[in-house]
Amino acid sequence: MDMDVDGHTATLVSFAAGDTSLYLSSGGGTIGGSADHDVAAASRDFVAAARPHLAAMAAPRDQPRPGRGETSFYLITTAGLRGATRSTEALVNETDALSPLFMAGQRVLHLILQASPSR
């Protein structure tokens, strides 16, 4: 999940095994968040939340950074890459079909930030 954050990009990467990382285009991030049990469980839930939306996602030609006020989702599957970009406002307001996926990603982010040693 790539999110616009004041013109920068925050990229959340999660895998079915629970591994997760957060990368910030402004520098920094967190690698290996799966060491925390809650983060790993939320990461697995995030991946599981993507499955119902797979059919609605298209194979992207490229993976640009999200524009202002946008969030992009990319799924790596055995059939190739799938993706979708949505208005973050619609995702937050739960008026977009991908809102449950966004909220699952937000849960991972919240737990990563809580578990971060710099907090």
PDB file of N, CA and C in Angstrom:
ATOM      1  N   MET A   1       0.857  -1.158   0.000  1.00  0.00           N
ATOM      2  CA  MET A   1       0.000   0.000   0.000  1.00  0.00           C
ATOM      3  C   MET A   1       0.904   1.222   0.000  1.00  0.00           C
ATOM      4  N   ASP A   2       0.733   2.075  -1.012  1.00  0.00           N
ATOM      5  CA  ASP A   2       1.474   3.333  -1.114  1.00  0.00           C
ATOM      6  C   ASP A   2       0.512   4.472  -0.817  1.00  0.00           C
ATOM      7  N   MET A   3       0.875   5.335   0.118  1.00  0.00           N
ATOM      8  CA  MET A   3       0.018   6.453   0.493  1.00  0.00           C
ATOM      9  C   MET A   3       0.748   7.773   0.336  1.00  0.00           C
ATOM     10  N   ASP A   4       0.017   8.759  -0.178  1.00  0.00           N
ATOM     11  CA  ASP A   4       0.542  10.111  -0.214  1.00  0.00           C
ATOM     12  C   ASP A   4       0.476  10.680   1.200  1.00  0.00           C
ATOM     13  N   VAL A   5       1.601  11.217   1.661  1.00  0.00           N
ATOM     14  CA  VAL A   5       1.667  11.873   2.964  1.00  0.00           C
ATOM     15  C   VAL A   5       2.339  13.218   2.740  1.00  0.00           C
ATOM     16  N   ASP A   6       1.519  14.243   2.520  1.00  0.00           N
ATOM     17  CA  ASP A   6       2.034  15.596   2.292  1.00  0.00           C
ATOM     18  C   ASP A   6       3.077  15.652   1.182  1.00  0.00           C
ATOM     19  N   GLY A   7       2.782  15.003   0.064  1.00  0.00           N
ATOM     20  CA  GLY A   7       3.683  15.029  -1.079  1.00  0.00           C
ATOM     21  C   GLY A   7       4.794  13.998  -1.039  1.00  0.00           C
ATOM     22  N   HIS A   8       4.888  13.260   0.036  1.00  0.00           N
ATOM     23  CA  HIS A   8       5.842  12.158   0.153  1.00  0.00           C
ATOM     24  C   HIS A   8       5.046  10.854   0.105  1.00  0.00           C
ATOM     25  N   THR A   9       5.753   9.751  -0.019  1.00  0.00           N
ATOM     26  CA  THR A   9       5.081   8.454  -0.097  1.00  0.00           C
ATOM     27  C   THR A   9       5.498   7.573   1.075  1.00  0.00           C
ATOM     28  N   ALA A  10       4.491   6.972   1.710  1.00  0.00           N
ATOM     29  CA  ALA A  10       4.716   5.949   2.725  1.00  0.00           C
ATOM     30  C   ALA A  10       4.306   4.632   2.085  1.00  0.00           C
ATOM     31  N   THR A  11       5.203   3.660   2.073  1.00  0.00           N
ATOM     32  CA  THR A  11       4.939   2.365   1.454  1.00  0.00           C
ATOM     33  C   THR A  11       4.934   1.289   2.531  1.00  0.00           C
ATOM     34  N   LEU A  12       3.790   0.623   2.661  1.00  0.00           N
ATOM     35  CA  LEU A  12       3.643  -0.490   3.584  1.00  0.00           C
ATOM     36  C   LEU A  12       3.706  -1.773   2.770  1.00  0.00           C
ATOM     37  N   VAL A  13       4.625  -2.660   3.145  1.00  0.00           N
ATOM     38  CA  VAL A  13       4.794  -3.944   2.457  1.00  0.00           C
ATOM     39  C   VAL A  13       4.490  -5.048   3.462  1.00  0.00           C
ATOM     40  N   SER A  14       3.532  -5.895   3.121  1.00  0.00           N
ATOM     41  CA  SER A  14       3.155  -7.001   4.011  1.00  0.00           C
ATOM     42  C   SER A  14       3.096  -8.294   3.217  1.00  0.00           C
ATOM     43  N   PHE A  15       3.450  -9.387   3.889  1.00  0.00           N
ATOM     44  CA  PHE A  15       3.443 -10.707   3.269  1.00  0.00           C
ATOM     45  C   PHE A  15       2.586 -11.661   4.087  1.00  0.00           C
ATOM     46  N   ALA A  16       2.107 -12.716   3.449  1.00  0.00           N
ATOM     47  CA  ALA A  16       1.220 -13.687   4.094  1.00  0.00           C
ATOM     48  C   ALA A  16       1.858 -14.330   5.324  1.00  0.00           C
ATOM     49  N   ALA A  17       3.173 -14.422   5.364  1.00  0.00           N
ATOM     50  CA  ALA A  17       3.861 -15.020   6.512  1.00  0.00           C
ATOM     51  C   ALA A  17       3.901 -14.089   7.726  1.00  0.00           C
ATOM     52  N   GLY A  18       3.484 -12.826   7.532  1.00  0.00           N
ATOM     53  CA  GLY A  18       3.481 -11.866   8.630  1.00  0.00           C
ATOM     54  C   GLY A  18       4.603 -10.859   8.568  1.00  0.00           C
ATOM     55  N   ASP A  19       5.556 -11.059   7.658  1.00  0.00           N
ATOM     56  CA  ASP A  19       6.638 -10.085   7.499  1.00  0.00           C
ATOM     57  C   ASP A  19       6.046  -8.770   7.009  1.00  0.00           C
ATOM     58  N   THR A  20       6.565  -7.677   7.514  1.00  0.00           N
ATOM     59  CA  THR A  20       6.066  -6.371   7.103  1.00  0.00           C
ATOM     60  C   THR A  20       7.143  -5.313   7.291  1.00  0.00           C
ATOM     61  N   SER A  21       7.108  -4.312   6.422  1.00  0.00           N
ATOM     62  CA  SER A  21       8.046  -3.196   6.514  1.00  0.00           C
ATOM     63  C   SER A  21       7.338  -1.918   6.094  1.00  0.00           C
ATOM     64  N   LEU A  22       7.834  -0.809   6.573  1.00  0.00           N
ATOM     65  CA  LEU A  22       7.332   0.510   6.220  1.00  0.00           C
ATOM     66  C   LEU A  22       8.500   1.320   5.693  1.00  0.00           C
ATOM     67  N   TYR A  23       8.344   1.873   4.487  1.00  0.00           N
ATOM     68  CA  TYR A  23       9.377   2.685   3.857  1.00  0.00           C
ATOM     69  C   TYR A  23       8.828   4.082   3.626  1.00  0.00           C
ATOM     70  N   LEU A  24       9.634   5.089   3.909  1.00  0.00           N
ATOM     71  CA  LEU A  24       9.228   6.478   3.723  1.00  0.00           C
ATOM     72  C   LEU A  24      10.098   7.123   2.659  1.00  0.00           C
ATOM     73  N   SER A  25       9.474   7.762   1.659  1.00  0.00           N
ATOM     74  CA  SER A  25      10.257   8.386   0.590  1.00  0.00           C
ATOM     75  C   SER A  25      11.075   9.551   1.116  1.00  0.00           C
ATOM     76  N   SER A  26      10.698  10.084   2.270  1.00  0.00           N
ATOM     77  CA  SER A  26      11.455  11.181   2.880  1.00  0.00           C
ATOM     78  C   SER A  26      12.654  10.652   3.665  1.00  0.00           C
ATOM     79  N   GLY A  27      12.780   9.314   3.721  1.00  0.00           N
ATOM     80  CA  GLY A  27      13.887   8.686   4.439  1.00  0.00           C
ATOM     81  C   GLY A  27      13.377   7.954   5.662  1.00  0.00           C
ATOM     82  N   GLY A  28      13.989   6.844   5.942  1.00  0.00           N
ATOM     83  CA  GLY A  28      13.630   6.096   7.133  1.00  0.00           C
ATOM     84  C   GLY A  28      12.551   5.063   6.891  1.00  0.00           C
ATOM     85  N   GLY A  29      12.087   4.491   7.993  1.00  0.00           N
ATOM     86  CA  GLY A  29      11.071   3.466   7.938  1.00  0.00           C
ATOM     87  C   GLY A  29      11.368   2.391   8.957  1.00  0.00           C
ATOM     88  N   THR A  30      10.713   1.265   8.815  1.00  0.00           N
ATOM     89  CA  THR A  30      10.884   0.140   9.720  1.00  0.00           C
ATOM     90  C   THR A  30      10.929  -1.131   8.899  1.00  0.00           C
ATOM     91  N   ILE A  31      11.936  -1.946   9.110  1.00  0.00           N
ATOM     92  CA  ILE A  31      12.065  -3.220   8.406  1.00  0.00           C
ATOM     93  C   ILE A  31      11.933  -4.333   9.430  1.00  0.00           C
ATOM     94  N   GLY A  32      11.221  -5.379   9.058  1.00  0.00           N
ATOM     95  CA  GLY A  32      11.131  -6.546   9.928  1.00  0.00           C
ATOM     96  C   GLY A  32      10.153  -6.398  11.061  1.00  0.00           C
ATOM     97  N   GLY A  33       9.047  -5.705  10.826  1.00  0.00           N
ATOM     98  CA  GLY A  33       8.046  -5.517  11.861  1.00  0.00           C
ATOM     99  C   GLY A  33       7.431  -6.803  12.370  1.00  0.00           C
ATOM    100  N   SER A  34       7.673  -7.918  11.672  1.00  0.00           N
ATOM    101  CA  SER A  34       7.067  -9.185  12.074  1.00  0.00           C
ATOM    102  C   SER A  34       7.640  -9.731  13.380  1.00  0.00           C
ATOM    103  N   ALA A  35       8.702  -9.124  13.887  1.00  0.00           N
ATOM    104  CA  ALA A  35       9.255  -9.566  15.173  1.00  0.00           C
ATOM    105  C   ALA A  35       8.243  -9.330  16.297  1.00  0.00           C
ATOM    106  N   ASP A  36       7.335  -8.394  16.097  1.00  0.00           N
ATOM    107  CA  ASP A  36       6.270  -8.122  17.058  1.00  0.00           C
ATOM    108  C   ASP A  36       5.062  -8.979  16.672  1.00  0.00           C
ATOM    109  N   HIS A  37       4.580  -9.789  17.599  1.00  0.00           N
ATOM    110  CA  HIS A  37       3.471 -10.718  17.324  1.00  0.00           C
ATOM    111  C   HIS A  37       2.235  -9.998  16.784  1.00  0.00           C
ATOM    112  N   ASP A  38       1.863  -8.877  17.384  1.00  0.00           N
ATOM    113  CA  ASP A  38       0.669  -8.146  16.951  1.00  0.00           C
ATOM    114  C   ASP A  38       0.829  -7.587  15.553  1.00  0.00           C
ATOM    115  N   VAL A  39       2.018  -7.083  15.237  1.00  0.00           N
ATOM    116  CA  VAL A  39       2.285  -6.564  13.894  1.00  0.00           C
ATOM    117  C   VAL A  39       2.186  -7.692  12.876  1.00  0.00           C
ATOM    118  N   ALA A  40       2.781  -8.838  13.186  1.00  0.00           N
ATOM    119  CA  ALA A  40       2.746  -9.981  12.269  1.00  0.00           C
ATOM    120  C   ALA A  40       1.309 -10.444  12.025  1.00  0.00           C
ATOM    121  N   ALA A  41       0.505 -10.505  13.072  1.00  0.00           N
ATOM    122  CA  ALA A  41      -0.891 -10.932  12.929  1.00  0.00           C
ATOM    123  C   ALA A  41      -1.675  -9.929  12.080  1.00  0.00           C
ATOM    124  N   ALA A  42      -1.461  -8.644  12.320  1.00  0.00           N
ATOM    125  CA  ALA A  42      -2.148  -7.609  11.533  1.00  0.00           C
ATOM    126  C   ALA A  42      -1.698  -7.637  10.076  1.00  0.00           C
ATOM    127  N   SER A  43      -0.430  -7.943   9.856  1.00  0.00           N
ATOM    128  CA  SER A  43       0.088  -8.057   8.499  1.00  0.00           C
ATOM    129  C   SER A  43      -0.580  -9.208   7.760  1.00  0.00           C
ATOM    130  N   ARG A  44      -0.720 -10.336   8.433  1.00  0.00           N
ATOM    131  CA  ARG A  44      -1.408 -11.481   7.821  1.00  0.00           C
ATOM    132  C   ARG A  44      -2.869 -11.133   7.524  1.00  0.00           C
ATOM    133  N   ASP A  45      -3.507 -10.410   8.433  1.00  0.00           N
ATOM    134  CA  ASP A  45      -4.894  -9.987   8.228  1.00  0.00           C
ATOM    135  C   ASP A  45      -4.999  -9.029   7.033  1.00  0.00           C
ATOM    136  N   PHE A  46      -4.019  -8.151   6.886  1.00  0.00           N
ATOM    137  CA  PHE A  46      -3.989  -7.199   5.771  1.00  0.00           C
ATOM    138  C   PHE A  46      -3.913  -7.946   4.440  1.00  0.00           C
ATOM    139  N   VAL A  47      -3.034  -8.931   4.374  1.00  0.00           N
ATOM    140  CA  VAL A  47      -2.908  -9.735   3.151  1.00  0.00           C
ATOM    141  C   VAL A  47      -4.219 -10.475   2.880  1.00  0.00           C
ATOM    142  N   ALA A  48      -4.803 -11.044   3.911  1.00  0.00           N
ATOM    143  CA  ALA A  48      -6.072 -11.762   3.746  1.00  0.00           C
ATOM    144  C   ALA A  48      -7.177 -10.812   3.294  1.00  0.00           C
ATOM    145  N   ALA A  49      -7.160  -9.582   3.766  1.00  0.00           N
ATOM    146  CA  ALA A  49      -8.178  -8.599   3.373  1.00  0.00           C
ATOM    147  C   ALA A  49      -8.080  -8.235   1.901  1.00  0.00           C
ATOM    148  N   ALA A  50      -6.925  -8.460   1.290  1.00  0.00           N
ATOM    149  CA  ALA A  50      -6.736  -8.137  -0.131  1.00  0.00           C
ATOM    150  C   ALA A  50      -7.382  -9.171  -1.046  1.00  0.00           C
ATOM    151  N   ARG A  51      -7.457 -10.391  -0.604  1.00  0.00           N
ATOM    152  CA  ARG A  51      -7.945 -11.482  -1.462  1.00  0.00           C
ATOM    153  C   ARG A  51      -9.309 -11.218  -2.095  1.00  0.00           C
ATOM    154  N   PRO A  52     -10.314 -10.738  -1.346  1.00  0.00           N
ATOM    155  CA  PRO A  52     -11.618 -10.510  -1.964  1.00  0.00           C
ATOM    156  C   PRO A  52     -11.614  -9.420  -3.048  1.00  0.00           C
ATOM    157  N   HIS A  53     -10.592  -8.588  -3.067  1.00  0.00           N
ATOM    158  CA  HIS A  53     -10.528  -7.467  -4.003  1.00  0.00           C
ATOM    159  C   HIS A  53      -9.664  -7.754  -5.227  1.00  0.00           C
ATOM    160  N   LEU A  54      -9.055  -8.903  -5.255  1.00  0.00           N
ATOM    161  CA  LEU A  54      -8.124  -9.251  -6.335  1.00  0.00           C
ATOM    162  C   LEU A  54      -8.768  -9.149  -7.714  1.00  0.00           C
ATOM    163  N   ALA A  55      -9.952  -9.684  -7.872  1.00  0.00           N
ATOM    164  CA  ALA A  55     -10.612  -9.695  -9.190  1.00  0.00           C
ATOM    165  C   ALA A  55     -10.922  -8.284  -9.684  1.00  0.00           C
ATOM    166  N   ALA A  56     -11.102  -7.340  -8.778  1.00  0.00           N
ATOM    167  CA  ALA A  56     -11.432  -5.967  -9.175  1.00  0.00           C
ATOM    168  C   ALA A  56     -10.198  -5.138  -9.515  1.00  0.00           C
ATOM    169  N   MET A  57      -9.012  -5.703  -9.321  1.00  0.00           N
ATOM    170  CA  MET A  57      -7.779  -4.967  -9.593  1.00  0.00           C
ATOM    171  C   MET A  57      -7.227  -5.361 -10.947  1.00  0.00           C
ATOM    172  N   ALA A  58      -6.652  -4.379 -11.630  1.00  0.00           N
ATOM    173  CA  ALA A  58      -6.103  -4.595 -12.972  1.00  0.00           C
ATOM    174  C   ALA A  58      -4.593  -4.772 -12.915  1.00  0.00           C
ATOM    175  N   ALA A  59      -4.040  -5.308 -13.983  1.00  0.00           N
ATOM    176  CA  ALA A  59      -2.584  -5.410 -14.116  1.00  0.00           C
ATOM    177  C   ALA A  59      -2.067  -4.022 -14.503  1.00  0.00           C
ATOM    178  N   PRO A  60      -1.320  -3.375 -13.617  1.00  0.00           N
ATOM    179  CA  PRO A  60      -0.847  -2.017 -13.918  1.00  0.00           C
ATOM    180  C   PRO A  60       0.291  -2.022 -14.939  1.00  0.00           C
ATOM    181  N   ARG A  61       0.346  -0.979 -15.735  1.00  0.00           N
ATOM    182  CA  ARG A  61       1.444  -0.830 -16.701  1.00  0.00           C
ATOM    183  C   ARG A  61       2.716  -0.376 -16.006  1.00  0.00           C
ATOM    184  N   ASP A  62       2.549   0.393 -14.947  1.00  0.00           N
ATOM    185  CA  ASP A  62       3.680   0.850 -14.144  1.00  0.00           C
ATOM    186  C   ASP A  62       3.173   1.050 -12.719  1.00  0.00           C
ATOM    187  N   GLN A  63       4.059   1.464 -11.835  1.00  0.00           N
ATOM    188  CA  GLN A  63       3.681   1.675 -10.440  1.00  0.00           C
ATOM    189  C   GLN A  63       4.124   3.065  -9.989  1.00  0.00           C
ATOM    190  N   PRO A  64       3.422   4.104 -10.485  1.00  0.00           N
ATOM    191  CA  PRO A  64       3.819   5.451 -10.083  1.00  0.00           C
ATOM    192  C   PRO A  64       3.486   5.706  -8.614  1.00  0.00           C
ATOM    193  N   ARG A  65       4.146   6.686  -8.045  1.00  0.00           N
ATOM    194  CA  ARG A  65       3.815   7.093  -6.693  1.00  0.00           C
ATOM    195  C   ARG A  65       2.392   7.645  -6.707  1.00  0.00           C
ATOM    196  N   PRO A  66       1.657   7.470  -5.636  1.00  0.00           N
ATOM    197  CA  PRO A  66       0.302   8.011  -5.616  1.00  0.00           C
ATOM    198  C   PRO A  66       0.328   9.537  -5.674  1.00  0.00           C
ATOM    199  N   GLY A  67      -0.666  10.108  -6.321  1.00  0.00           N
ATOM    200  CA  GLY A  67      -0.784  11.566  -6.371  1.00  0.00           C
ATOM    201  C   GLY A  67      -1.289  12.101  -5.041  1.00  0.00           C
ATOM    202  N   ARG A  68      -1.380  13.406  -4.957  1.00  0.00           N
ATOM    203  CA  ARG A  68      -1.878  14.022  -3.719  1.00  0.00           C
ATOM    204  C   ARG A  68      -3.265  13.488  -3.396  1.00  0.00           C
ATOM    205  N   GLY A  69      -3.426  13.056  -2.151  1.00  0.00           N
ATOM    206  CA  GLY A  69      -4.714  12.571  -1.700  1.00  0.00           C
ATOM    207  C   GLY A  69      -5.076  11.188  -2.205  1.00  0.00           C
ATOM    208  N   GLU A  70      -4.090  10.428  -2.666  1.00  0.00           N
ATOM    209  CA  GLU A  70      -4.362   9.098  -3.198  1.00  0.00           C
ATOM    210  C   GLU A  70      -3.633   8.011  -2.409  1.00  0.00           C
ATOM    211  N   THR A  71      -4.180   6.816  -2.492  1.00  0.00           N
ATOM    212  CA  THR A  71      -3.562   5.615  -1.942  1.00  0.00           C
ATOM    213  C   THR A  71      -3.600   4.554  -3.032  1.00  0.00           C
ATOM    214  N   SER A  72      -2.482   3.873  -3.240  1.00  0.00           N
ATOM    215  CA  SER A  72      -2.400   2.810  -4.239  1.00  0.00           C
ATOM    216  C   SER A  72      -2.158   1.480  -3.547  1.00  0.00           C
ATOM    217  N   PHE A  73      -2.764   0.454  -4.097  1.00  0.00           N
ATOM    218  CA  PHE A  73      -2.581  -0.909  -3.610  1.00  0.00           C
ATOM    219  C   PHE A  73      -1.959  -1.725  -4.730  1.00  0.00           C
ATOM    220  N   TYR A  74      -0.975  -2.540  -4.394  1.00  0.00           N
ATOM    221  CA  TYR A  74      -0.359  -3.466  -5.354  1.00  0.00           C
ATOM    222  C   TYR A  74      -0.319  -4.842  -4.724  1.00  0.00           C
ATOM    223  N   LEU A  75      -0.801  -5.831  -5.467  1.00  0.00           N
ATOM    224  CA  LEU A  75      -0.813  -7.210  -4.996  1.00  0.00           C
ATOM    225  C   LEU A  75       0.061  -8.046  -5.916  1.00  0.00           C
ATOM    226  N   ILE A  76       1.002  -8.762  -5.337  1.00  0.00           N
ATOM    227  CA  ILE A  76       1.842  -9.680  -6.105  1.00  0.00           C
ATOM    228  C   ILE A  76       1.175 -11.053  -6.018  1.00  0.00           C
ATOM    229  N   THR A  77       0.796 -11.593  -7.184  1.00  0.00           N
ATOM    230  CA  THR A  77       0.091 -12.872  -7.221  1.00  0.00           C
ATOM    231  C   THR A  77       0.822 -13.839  -8.148  1.00  0.00           C
ATOM    232  N   THR A  78       0.407 -15.074  -8.145  1.00  0.00           N
ATOM    233  CA  THR A  78       0.994 -16.044  -9.061  1.00  0.00           C
ATOM    234  C   THR A  78       0.635 -15.708 -10.510  1.00  0.00           C
ATOM    235  N   ALA A  79      -0.418 -14.930 -10.708  1.00  0.00           N
ATOM    236  CA  ALA A  79      -0.835 -14.509 -12.055  1.00  0.00           C
ATOM    237  C   ALA A  79      -0.226 -13.161 -12.447  1.00  0.00           C
ATOM    238  N   GLY A  80       0.618 -12.604 -11.593  1.00  0.00           N
ATOM    239  CA  GLY A  80       1.249 -11.321 -11.890  1.00  0.00           C
ATOM    240  C   GLY A  80       0.792 -10.227 -10.942  1.00  0.00           C
ATOM    241  N   LEU A  81       1.232  -9.028 -11.222  1.00  0.00           N
ATOM    242  CA  LEU A  81       0.942  -7.872 -10.386  1.00  0.00           C
ATOM    243  C   LEU A  81      -0.455  -7.342 -10.668  1.00  0.00           C
ATOM    244  N   ARG A  82      -1.163  -6.967  -9.623  1.00  0.00           N
ATOM    245  CA  ARG A  82      -2.473  -6.333  -9.737  1.00  0.00           C
ATOM    246  C   ARG A  82      -2.434  -5.069  -8.901  1.00  0.00           C
ATOM    247  N   GLY A  83      -3.209  -4.066  -9.300  1.00  0.00           N
ATOM    248  CA  GLY A  83      -3.191  -2.823  -8.543  1.00  0.00           C
ATOM    249  C   GLY A  83      -4.420  -1.972  -8.741  1.00  0.00           C
ATOM    250  N   ALA A  84      -4.565  -0.991  -7.852  1.00  0.00           N
ATOM    251  CA  ALA A  84      -5.658  -0.028  -7.918  1.00  0.00           C
ATOM    252  C   ALA A  84      -5.244   1.203  -7.126  1.00  0.00           C
ATOM    253  N   THR A  85      -5.689   2.370  -7.590  1.00  0.00           N
ATOM    254  CA  THR A  85      -5.441   3.628  -6.887  1.00  0.00           C
ATOM    255  C   THR A  85      -6.786   4.265  -6.573  1.00  0.00           C
ATOM    256  N   ARG A  86      -6.912   4.755  -5.352  1.00  0.00           N
ATOM    257  CA  ARG A  86      -8.171   5.337  -4.898  1.00  0.00           C
ATOM    258  C   ARG A  86      -7.921   6.637  -4.142  1.00  0.00           C
ATOM    259  N   SER A  87      -8.972   7.409  -3.995  1.00  0.00           N
ATOM    260  CA  SER A  87      -8.945   8.611  -3.173  1.00  0.00           C
ATOM    261  C   SER A  87      -8.813   8.187  -1.712  1.00  0.00           C
ATOM    262  N   THR A  88      -7.824   8.733  -1.016  1.00  0.00           N
ATOM    263  CA  THR A  88      -7.655   8.405   0.396  1.00  0.00           C
ATOM    264  C   THR A  88      -8.875   8.856   1.188  1.00  0.00           C
ATOM    265  N   GLU A  89      -9.445   9.982   0.810  1.00  0.00           N
ATOM    266  CA  GLU A  89     -10.632  10.486   1.510  1.00  0.00           C
ATOM    267  C   GLU A  89     -11.781   9.480   1.426  1.00  0.00           C
ATOM    268  N   ALA A  90     -12.012   8.929   0.241  1.00  0.00           N
ATOM    269  CA  ALA A  90     -13.079   7.936   0.074  1.00  0.00           C
ATOM    270  C   ALA A  90     -12.778   6.679   0.882  1.00  0.00           C
ATOM    271  N   LEU A  91     -11.502   6.294   0.945  1.00  0.00           N
ATOM    272  CA  LEU A  91     -11.118   5.119   1.724  1.00  0.00           C
ATOM    273  C   LEU A  91     -11.360   5.363   3.214  1.00  0.00           C
ATOM    274  N   VAL A  92     -10.963   6.536   3.691  1.00  0.00           N
ATOM    275  CA  VAL A  92     -11.140   6.894   5.106  1.00  0.00           C
ATOM    276  C   VAL A  92     -12.621   6.982   5.462  1.00  0.00           C
ATOM    277  N   ASN A  93     -13.408   7.561   4.559  1.00  0.00           N
ATOM    278  CA  ASN A  93     -14.841   7.721   4.802  1.00  0.00           C
ATOM    279  C   ASN A  93     -15.634   6.440   4.557  1.00  0.00           C
ATOM    280  N   GLU A  94     -14.920   5.388   4.151  1.00  0.00           N
ATOM    281  CA  GLU A  94     -15.507   4.073   3.905  1.00  0.00           C
ATOM    282  C   GLU A  94     -16.599   4.111   2.838  1.00  0.00           C
ATOM    283  N   THR A  95     -16.364   4.943   1.792  1.00  0.00           N
ATOM    284  CA  THR A  95     -17.293   5.013   0.670  1.00  0.00           C
ATOM    285  C   THR A  95     -16.726   4.309  -0.557  1.00  0.00           C
ATOM    286  N   ASP A  96     -15.580   3.694  -0.432  1.00  0.00           N
ATOM    287  CA  ASP A  96     -14.954   2.962  -1.529  1.00  0.00           C
ATOM    288  C   ASP A  96     -14.930   1.478  -1.182  1.00  0.00           C
ATOM    289  N   ALA A  97     -15.084   0.642  -2.189  1.00  0.00           N
ATOM    290  CA  ALA A  97     -15.081  -0.808  -1.971  1.00  0.00           C
ATOM    291  C   ALA A  97     -13.777  -1.311  -1.358  1.00  0.00           C
ATOM    292  N   LEU A  98     -12.678  -0.564  -1.561  1.00  0.00           N
ATOM    293  CA  LEU A  98     -11.383  -0.973  -1.006  1.00  0.00           C
ATOM    294  C   LEU A  98     -11.144  -0.448   0.412  1.00  0.00           C
ATOM    295  N   SER A  99     -12.146   0.207   0.992  1.00  0.00           N
ATOM    296  CA  SER A  99     -11.986   0.738   2.354  1.00  0.00           C
ATOM    297  C   SER A  99     -11.599  -0.328   3.377  1.00  0.00           C
ATOM    298  N   PRO A 100     -12.183  -1.532   3.352  1.00  0.00           N
ATOM    299  CA  PRO A 100     -11.752  -2.544   4.337  1.00  0.00           C
ATOM    300  C   PRO A 100     -10.265  -2.897   4.198  1.00  0.00           C
ATOM    301  N   LEU A 101      -9.776  -2.912   2.981  1.00  0.00           N
ATOM    302  CA  LEU A 101      -8.355  -3.179   2.763  1.00  0.00           C
ATOM    303  C   LEU A 101      -7.514  -2.040   3.329  1.00  0.00           C
ATOM    304  N   PHE A 102      -7.924  -0.821   3.069  1.00  0.00           N
ATOM    305  CA  PHE A 102      -7.229   0.355   3.592  1.00  0.00           C
ATOM    306  C   PHE A 102      -7.198   0.326   5.123  1.00  0.00           C
ATOM    307  N   MET A 103      -8.335   0.026   5.728  1.00  0.00           N
ATOM    308  CA  MET A 103      -8.414   0.008   7.197  1.00  0.00           C
ATOM    309  C   MET A 103      -7.521  -1.094   7.776  1.00  0.00           C
ATOM    310  N   ALA A 104      -7.442  -2.237   7.093  1.00  0.00           N
ATOM    311  CA  ALA A 104      -6.544  -3.310   7.553  1.00  0.00           C
ATOM    312  C   ALA A 104      -5.091  -2.839   7.481  1.00  0.00           C
ATOM    313  N   GLY A 105      -4.746  -2.093   6.437  1.00  0.00           N
ATOM    314  CA  GLY A 105      -3.401  -1.533   6.319  1.00  0.00           C
ATOM    315  C   GLY A 105      -3.127  -0.494   7.389  1.00  0.00           C
ATOM    316  N   GLN A 106      -4.120   0.311   7.709  1.00  0.00           N
ATOM    317  CA  GLN A 106      -3.958   1.313   8.759  1.00  0.00           C
ATOM    318  C   GLN A 106      -3.704   0.654  10.114  1.00  0.00           C
ATOM    319  N   ARG A 107      -4.327  -0.496  10.331  1.00  0.00           N
ATOM    320  CA  ARG A 107      -4.094  -1.240  11.576  1.00  0.00           C
ATOM    321  C   ARG A 107      -2.628  -1.680  11.666  1.00  0.00           C
ATOM    322  N   VAL A 108      -2.091  -2.167  10.552  1.00  0.00           N
ATOM    323  CA  VAL A 108      -0.676  -2.564  10.527  1.00  0.00           C
ATOM    324  C   VAL A 108       0.199  -1.347  10.826  1.00  0.00           C
ATOM    325  N   LEU A 109      -0.075  -0.233  10.158  1.00  0.00           N
ATOM    326  CA  LEU A 109       0.717   0.987  10.386  1.00  0.00           C
ATOM    327  C   LEU A 109       0.680   1.420  11.850  1.00  0.00           C
ATOM    328  N   HIS A 110      -0.498   1.410  12.431  1.00  0.00           N
ATOM    329  CA  HIS A 110      -0.651   1.805  13.831  1.00  0.00           C
ATOM    330  C   HIS A 110       0.222   0.927  14.736  1.00  0.00           C
ATOM    331  N   LEU A 111       0.173  -0.376  14.503  1.00  0.00           N
ATOM    332  CA  LEU A 111       0.942  -1.297  15.347  1.00  0.00           C
ATOM    333  C   LEU A 111       2.443  -1.180  15.105  1.00  0.00           C
ATOM    334  N   ILE A 112       2.855  -0.937  13.853  1.00  0.00           N
ATOM    335  CA  ILE A 112       4.278  -0.726  13.570  1.00  0.00           C
ATOM    336  C   ILE A 112       4.785   0.493  14.328  1.00  0.00           C
ATOM    337  N   LEU A 113       4.006   1.573  14.284  1.00  0.00           N
ATOM    338  CA  LEU A 113       4.433   2.791  14.968  1.00  0.00           C
ATOM    339  C   LEU A 113       4.471   2.607  16.471  1.00  0.00           C
ATOM    340  N   GLN A 114       3.526   1.846  17.015  1.00  0.00           N
ATOM    341  CA  GLN A 114       3.531   1.562  18.453  1.00  0.00           C
ATOM    342  C   GLN A 114       4.738   0.730  18.861  1.00  0.00           C
ATOM    343  N   ALA A 115       5.116  -0.222  18.007  1.00  0.00           N
ATOM    344  CA  ALA A 115       6.224  -1.140  18.321  1.00  0.00           C
ATOM    345  C   ALA A 115       7.587  -0.536  18.024  1.00  0.00           C
ATOM    346  N   SER A 116       7.615   0.582  17.312  1.00  0.00           N
ATOM    347  CA  SER A 116       8.874   1.192  16.898  1.00  0.00           C
ATOM    348  C   SER A 116       9.699   1.607  18.102  1.00  0.00           C
ATOM    349  N   PRO A 117      10.990   1.252  18.130  1.00  0.00           N
ATOM    350  CA  PRO A 117      11.866   1.609  19.258  1.00  0.00           C
ATOM    351  C   PRO A 117      12.035   3.120  19.403  1.00  0.00           C
ATOM    352  N   SER A 118      11.789   3.877  18.327  1.00  0.00           N
ATOM    353  CA  SER A 118      11.985   5.329  18.407  1.00  0.00           C
ATOM    354  C   SER A 118      10.818   6.043  19.059  1.00  0.00           C
ATOM    355  N   ARG A 119       9.751   5.310  19.371  1.00  0.00           N
ATOM    356  CA  ARG A 119       8.571   5.943  19.989  1.00  0.00           C
ATOM    357  C   ARG A 119       8.734   5.992  21.481  1.00  0.00           C
TER     358      ARG A 119
END
